Amino acid sequence: MVPTNYFLILSAVLFLLGVLGVLVRRNALVIYMSIELMLNAANLAFVAFASASGGLEGQLAVFFVMTVAAAEVAVGLALLVTIFRTKKTIDIDTLHQLKG
């Protein structure tokens, strides 16, 4: 059996990688994937705590987070495609002014 601390350390590392991706990268798609990485890190922490406590509350929270993340993916990718069609780029530095 793997200790819960290992899962929490992995979750923290994944979350920090996601934060670094959001802060450092300029591509909107990479930033979007970094946000998804942070959500998955939170899911891993929920599952680790749920398995440590023996309850199902953490796994239920993961189910809801995954549902919200799926809706976010649909809306976010639709926004990215629309922005790319109108501006011909998804670089954050060139999109800082969203004027029509």
N, C-alpha and C. Protein backbone atom coordinates (compact mmCIF):
# COMPACT_ATOMS: atom_id res chain seq x y z
N MET A 1 0.84 -1.19 0.00
CA MET A 1 0.00 0.00 0.00
C MET A 1 0.89 1.25 0.00
N VAL A 2 0.58 2.16 -0.88
CA VAL A 2 1.35 3.41 -1.01
C VAL A 2 0.82 4.41 0.02
N PRO A 3 1.71 5.04 0.78
CA PRO A 3 1.25 6.02 1.77
C PRO A 3 0.59 7.23 1.12
N THR A 4 -0.30 7.85 1.86
CA THR A 4 -1.04 9.01 1.37
C THR A 4 -0.12 10.19 1.10
N ASN A 5 0.97 10.29 1.86
CA ASN A 5 1.90 11.41 1.68
C ASN A 5 2.48 11.43 0.26
N TYR A 6 2.74 10.28 -0.31
CA TYR A 6 3.29 10.21 -1.66
C TYR A 6 2.30 10.79 -2.68
N PHE A 7 1.04 10.46 -2.50
CA PHE A 7 0.02 10.99 -3.41
C PHE A 7 -0.11 12.51 -3.26
N LEU A 8 -0.02 12.99 -2.03
CA LEU A 8 -0.13 14.43 -1.79
C LEU A 8 1.08 15.18 -2.34
N ILE A 9 2.26 14.58 -2.23
CA ILE A 9 3.46 15.21 -2.81
C ILE A 9 3.34 15.26 -4.33
N LEU A 10 2.88 14.18 -4.94
CA LEU A 10 2.67 14.16 -6.38
C LEU A 10 1.62 15.19 -6.79
N SER A 11 0.57 15.31 -6.01
CA SER A 11 -0.47 16.29 -6.30
C SER A 11 0.09 17.71 -6.22
N ALA A 12 0.91 17.98 -5.22
CA ALA A 12 1.51 19.31 -5.08
C ALA A 12 2.45 19.62 -6.23
N VAL A 13 3.23 18.64 -6.66
CA VAL A 13 4.15 18.85 -7.79
C VAL A 13 3.36 19.13 -9.07
N LEU A 14 2.31 18.36 -9.31
CA LEU A 14 1.48 18.59 -10.49
C LEU A 14 0.82 19.96 -10.46
N PHE A 15 0.35 20.35 -9.28
CA PHE A 15 -0.28 21.66 -9.15
C PHE A 15 0.72 22.78 -9.41
N LEU A 16 1.94 22.64 -8.89
CA LEU A 16 2.96 23.66 -9.12
C LEU A 16 3.36 23.73 -10.59
N LEU A 17 3.41 22.59 -11.26
CA LEU A 17 3.69 22.60 -12.70
C LEU A 17 2.59 23.33 -13.46
N GLY A 18 1.36 23.14 -13.04
CA GLY A 18 0.25 23.86 -13.65
C GLY A 18 0.33 25.36 -13.42
N VAL A 19 0.68 25.76 -12.21
CA VAL A 19 0.82 27.19 -11.90
C VAL A 19 1.95 27.79 -12.72
N LEU A 20 3.08 27.08 -12.81
CA LEU A 20 4.18 27.58 -13.63
C LEU A 20 3.78 27.70 -15.10
N GLY A 21 3.01 26.74 -15.59
CA GLY A 21 2.54 26.81 -16.97
C GLY A 21 1.66 28.01 -17.22
N VAL A 22 0.82 28.35 -16.25
CA VAL A 22 -0.06 29.52 -16.40
C VAL A 22 0.75 30.81 -16.34
N LEU A 23 1.72 30.87 -15.46
CA LEU A 23 2.47 32.11 -15.27
C LEU A 23 3.53 32.35 -16.35
N VAL A 24 4.11 31.29 -16.90
CA VAL A 24 5.25 31.45 -17.79
C VAL A 24 4.86 31.45 -19.26
N ARG A 25 3.93 30.60 -19.65
CA ARG A 25 3.63 30.43 -21.07
C ARG A 25 2.74 31.54 -21.59
N ARG A 26 2.82 31.79 -22.89
CA ARG A 26 2.04 32.84 -23.54
C ARG A 26 0.99 32.28 -24.49
N ASN A 27 1.02 31.00 -24.75
CA ASN A 27 0.05 30.37 -25.65
C ASN A 27 -1.22 30.05 -24.86
N ALA A 28 -2.36 30.45 -25.38
CA ALA A 28 -3.62 30.26 -24.65
C ALA A 28 -3.94 28.79 -24.47
N LEU A 29 -3.60 27.96 -25.45
CA LEU A 29 -3.89 26.53 -25.34
C LEU A 29 -3.05 25.88 -24.25
N VAL A 30 -1.79 26.27 -24.13
CA VAL A 30 -0.92 25.73 -23.08
C VAL A 30 -1.39 26.20 -21.71
N ILE A 31 -1.83 27.44 -21.62
CA ILE A 31 -2.37 27.94 -20.35
C ILE A 31 -3.62 27.17 -19.97
N TYR A 32 -4.44 26.89 -20.95
CA TYR A 32 -5.66 26.13 -20.72
C TYR A 32 -5.34 24.71 -20.23
N MET A 33 -4.33 24.08 -20.84
CA MET A 33 -3.93 22.74 -20.41
C MET A 33 -3.31 22.78 -19.01
N SER A 34 -2.64 23.86 -18.66
CA SER A 34 -2.08 23.99 -17.32
C SER A 34 -3.18 24.11 -16.26
N ILE A 35 -4.25 24.79 -16.61
CA ILE A 35 -5.39 24.88 -15.69
C ILE A 35 -6.01 23.50 -15.48
N GLU A 36 -6.11 22.72 -16.54
CA GLU A 36 -6.62 21.36 -16.42
C GLU A 36 -5.69 20.49 -15.56
N LEU A 37 -4.38 20.72 -15.68
CA LEU A 37 -3.43 19.99 -14.84
C LEU A 37 -3.62 20.32 -13.37
N MET A 38 -3.92 21.58 -13.07
CA MET A 38 -4.18 21.97 -11.68
C MET A 38 -5.46 21.32 -11.17
N LEU A 39 -6.50 21.23 -12.01
CA LEU A 39 -7.73 20.55 -11.59
C LEU A 39 -7.48 19.07 -11.32
N ASN A 40 -6.67 18.43 -12.16
CA ASN A 40 -6.37 17.02 -11.94
C ASN A 40 -5.52 16.81 -10.69
N ALA A 41 -4.66 17.76 -10.37
CA ALA A 41 -3.89 17.67 -9.13
C ALA A 41 -4.81 17.75 -7.92
N ALA A 42 -5.80 18.62 -7.99
CA ALA A 42 -6.78 18.71 -6.89
C ALA A 42 -7.59 17.42 -6.79
N ASN A 43 -7.93 16.83 -7.94
CA ASN A 43 -8.65 15.55 -7.93
C ASN A 43 -7.82 14.46 -7.27
N LEU A 44 -6.54 14.43 -7.56
CA LEU A 44 -5.66 13.43 -6.95
C LEU A 44 -5.61 13.59 -5.43
N ALA A 45 -5.57 14.84 -4.97
CA ALA A 45 -5.57 15.08 -3.51
C ALA A 45 -6.90 14.64 -2.90
N PHE A 46 -8.02 14.90 -3.57
CA PHE A 46 -9.32 14.46 -3.07
C PHE A 46 -9.37 12.94 -2.94
N VAL A 47 -8.90 12.25 -3.95
CA VAL A 47 -8.93 10.78 -3.93
C VAL A 47 -7.99 10.24 -2.86
N ALA A 48 -6.83 10.88 -2.67
CA ALA A 48 -5.89 10.43 -1.64
C ALA A 48 -6.50 10.57 -0.25
N PHE A 49 -7.15 11.70 0.01
CA PHE A 49 -7.79 11.89 1.31
C PHE A 49 -8.98 10.94 1.48
N ALA A 50 -9.70 10.69 0.41
CA ALA A 50 -10.84 9.77 0.51
C ALA A 50 -10.38 8.36 0.81
N SER A 51 -9.28 7.93 0.20
CA SER A 51 -8.81 6.57 0.47
C SER A 51 -8.21 6.47 1.87
N ALA A 52 -7.62 7.57 2.35
CA ALA A 52 -7.05 7.54 3.70
C ALA A 52 -8.14 7.50 4.76
N SER A 53 -9.24 8.19 4.52
CA SER A 53 -10.31 8.23 5.52
C SER A 53 -11.31 7.08 5.36
N GLY A 54 -11.28 6.44 4.20
CA GLY A 54 -12.19 5.32 3.98
C GLY A 54 -13.59 5.73 3.56
N GLY A 55 -13.81 7.01 3.34
CA GLY A 55 -15.13 7.49 2.94
C GLY A 55 -15.22 7.71 1.45
N LEU A 56 -16.42 8.01 1.01
CA LEU A 56 -16.66 8.26 -0.40
C LEU A 56 -16.83 9.74 -0.73
N GLU A 57 -16.71 10.60 0.27
CA GLU A 57 -16.95 12.02 0.04
C GLU A 57 -15.94 12.62 -0.93
N GLY A 58 -14.67 12.25 -0.80
CA GLY A 58 -13.65 12.76 -1.70
C GLY A 58 -13.86 12.30 -3.12
N GLN A 59 -14.26 11.05 -3.29
CA GLN A 59 -14.51 10.54 -4.63
C GLN A 59 -15.75 11.18 -5.24
N LEU A 60 -16.71 11.51 -4.42
CA LEU A 60 -17.89 12.22 -4.90
C LEU A 60 -17.53 13.63 -5.34
N ALA A 61 -16.64 14.28 -4.59
CA ALA A 61 -16.17 15.61 -4.97
C ALA A 61 -15.41 15.55 -6.29
N VAL A 62 -14.62 14.49 -6.49
CA VAL A 62 -13.90 14.31 -7.76
C VAL A 62 -14.88 14.18 -8.92
N PHE A 63 -15.96 13.46 -8.70
CA PHE A 63 -16.96 13.31 -9.75
C PHE A 63 -17.52 14.67 -10.18
N PHE A 64 -17.82 15.52 -9.21
CA PHE A 64 -18.35 16.84 -9.54
C PHE A 64 -17.30 17.73 -10.19
N VAL A 65 -16.06 17.64 -9.73
CA VAL A 65 -14.99 18.43 -10.34
C VAL A 65 -14.77 18.00 -11.79
N MET A 66 -14.83 16.71 -12.05
CA MET A 66 -14.67 16.22 -13.42
C MET A 66 -15.83 16.67 -14.30
N THR A 67 -17.02 16.73 -13.75
CA THR A 67 -18.17 17.20 -14.52
C THR A 67 -18.02 18.68 -14.88
N VAL A 68 -17.59 19.48 -13.93
CA VAL A 68 -17.37 20.90 -14.20
C VAL A 68 -16.22 21.08 -15.18
N ALA A 69 -15.17 20.27 -15.06
CA ALA A 69 -14.03 20.36 -15.97
C ALA A 69 -14.43 20.00 -17.39
N ALA A 70 -15.32 19.03 -17.55
CA ALA A 70 -15.78 18.66 -18.89
C ALA A 70 -16.56 19.80 -19.53
N ALA A 71 -17.38 20.47 -18.75
CA ALA A 71 -18.11 21.62 -19.28
C ALA A 71 -17.15 22.76 -19.60
N GLU A 72 -16.13 22.93 -18.77
CA GLU A 72 -15.13 23.96 -19.00
C GLU A 72 -14.36 23.69 -20.29
N VAL A 73 -14.05 22.45 -20.55
CA VAL A 73 -13.33 22.09 -21.77
C VAL A 73 -14.16 22.45 -22.99
N ALA A 74 -15.42 22.13 -22.97
CA ALA A 74 -16.28 22.43 -24.11
C ALA A 74 -16.38 23.92 -24.37
N VAL A 75 -16.62 24.70 -23.34
CA VAL A 75 -16.76 26.14 -23.49
C VAL A 75 -15.41 26.79 -23.83
N GLY A 76 -14.37 26.38 -23.13
CA GLY A 76 -13.05 26.97 -23.35
C GLY A 76 -12.50 26.72 -24.74
N LEU A 77 -12.63 25.50 -25.22
CA LEU A 77 -12.15 25.21 -26.57
C LEU A 77 -12.98 25.93 -27.62
N ALA A 78 -14.26 26.06 -27.39
CA ALA A 78 -15.09 26.83 -28.33
C ALA A 78 -14.65 28.29 -28.36
N LEU A 79 -14.33 28.86 -27.21
CA LEU A 79 -13.83 30.24 -27.17
C LEU A 79 -12.50 30.37 -27.88
N LEU A 80 -11.60 29.41 -27.66
CA LEU A 80 -10.29 29.46 -28.32
C LEU A 80 -10.42 29.36 -29.83
N VAL A 81 -11.30 28.50 -30.31
CA VAL A 81 -11.50 28.36 -31.75
C VAL A 81 -12.08 29.65 -32.32
N THR A 82 -13.02 30.26 -31.62
CA THR A 82 -13.62 31.50 -32.10
C THR A 82 -12.60 32.64 -32.12
N ILE A 83 -11.79 32.73 -31.09
CA ILE A 83 -10.75 33.76 -31.05
C ILE A 83 -9.73 33.54 -32.15
N PHE A 84 -9.35 32.28 -32.39
CA PHE A 84 -8.39 31.99 -33.44
C PHE A 84 -8.95 32.32 -34.82
N ARG A 85 -10.23 32.08 -35.03
CA ARG A 85 -10.84 32.40 -36.32
C ARG A 85 -10.89 33.89 -36.58
N THR A 86 -11.11 34.68 -35.55
CA THR A 86 -11.21 36.12 -35.75
C THR A 86 -9.86 36.82 -35.72
N LYS A 87 -8.98 36.44 -34.82
CA LYS A 87 -7.69 37.12 -34.65
C LYS A 87 -6.53 36.44 -35.34
N LYS A 88 -6.69 35.19 -35.78
CA LYS A 88 -5.65 34.39 -36.44
C LYS A 88 -4.46 34.10 -35.55
N THR A 89 -4.62 34.22 -34.25
CA THR A 89 -3.58 33.86 -33.29
C THR A 89 -4.22 33.58 -31.94
N ILE A 90 -3.51 32.79 -31.13
CA ILE A 90 -3.96 32.56 -29.75
C ILE A 90 -2.86 32.94 -28.77
N ASP A 91 -1.94 33.79 -29.22
CA ASP A 91 -0.88 34.30 -28.36
C ASP A 91 -1.47 35.33 -27.41
N ILE A 92 -1.21 35.16 -26.14
CA ILE A 92 -1.80 36.02 -25.11
C ILE A 92 -1.32 37.46 -25.24
N ASP A 93 -0.05 37.66 -25.60
CA ASP A 93 0.47 39.02 -25.71
C ASP A 93 -0.24 39.81 -26.81
N THR A 94 -0.61 39.15 -27.90
CA THR A 94 -1.30 39.88 -28.96
C THR A 94 -2.80 39.99 -28.70
N LEU A 95 -3.32 39.21 -27.76
CA LEU A 95 -4.76 39.25 -27.47
C LEU A 95 -5.09 40.10 -26.24
N HIS A 96 -4.12 40.86 -25.73
CA HIS A 96 -4.40 41.62 -24.52
C HIS A 96 -5.42 42.72 -24.73
N GLN A 97 -5.63 43.10 -25.97
CA GLN A 97 -6.68 44.05 -26.29
C GLN A 97 -7.75 43.34 -27.09
N LEU A 98 -8.89 43.13 -26.49
CA LEU A 98 -9.98 42.45 -27.17
C LEU A 98 -10.96 43.46 -27.75
N LYS A 99 -10.45 44.24 -28.68
CA LYS A 99 -11.30 45.23 -29.35
C LYS A 99 -11.76 44.64 -30.67
N GLY A 100 -13.00 44.93 -31.04
CA GLY A 100 -13.56 44.39 -32.28
C GLY A 100 -13.12 45.13 -33.44
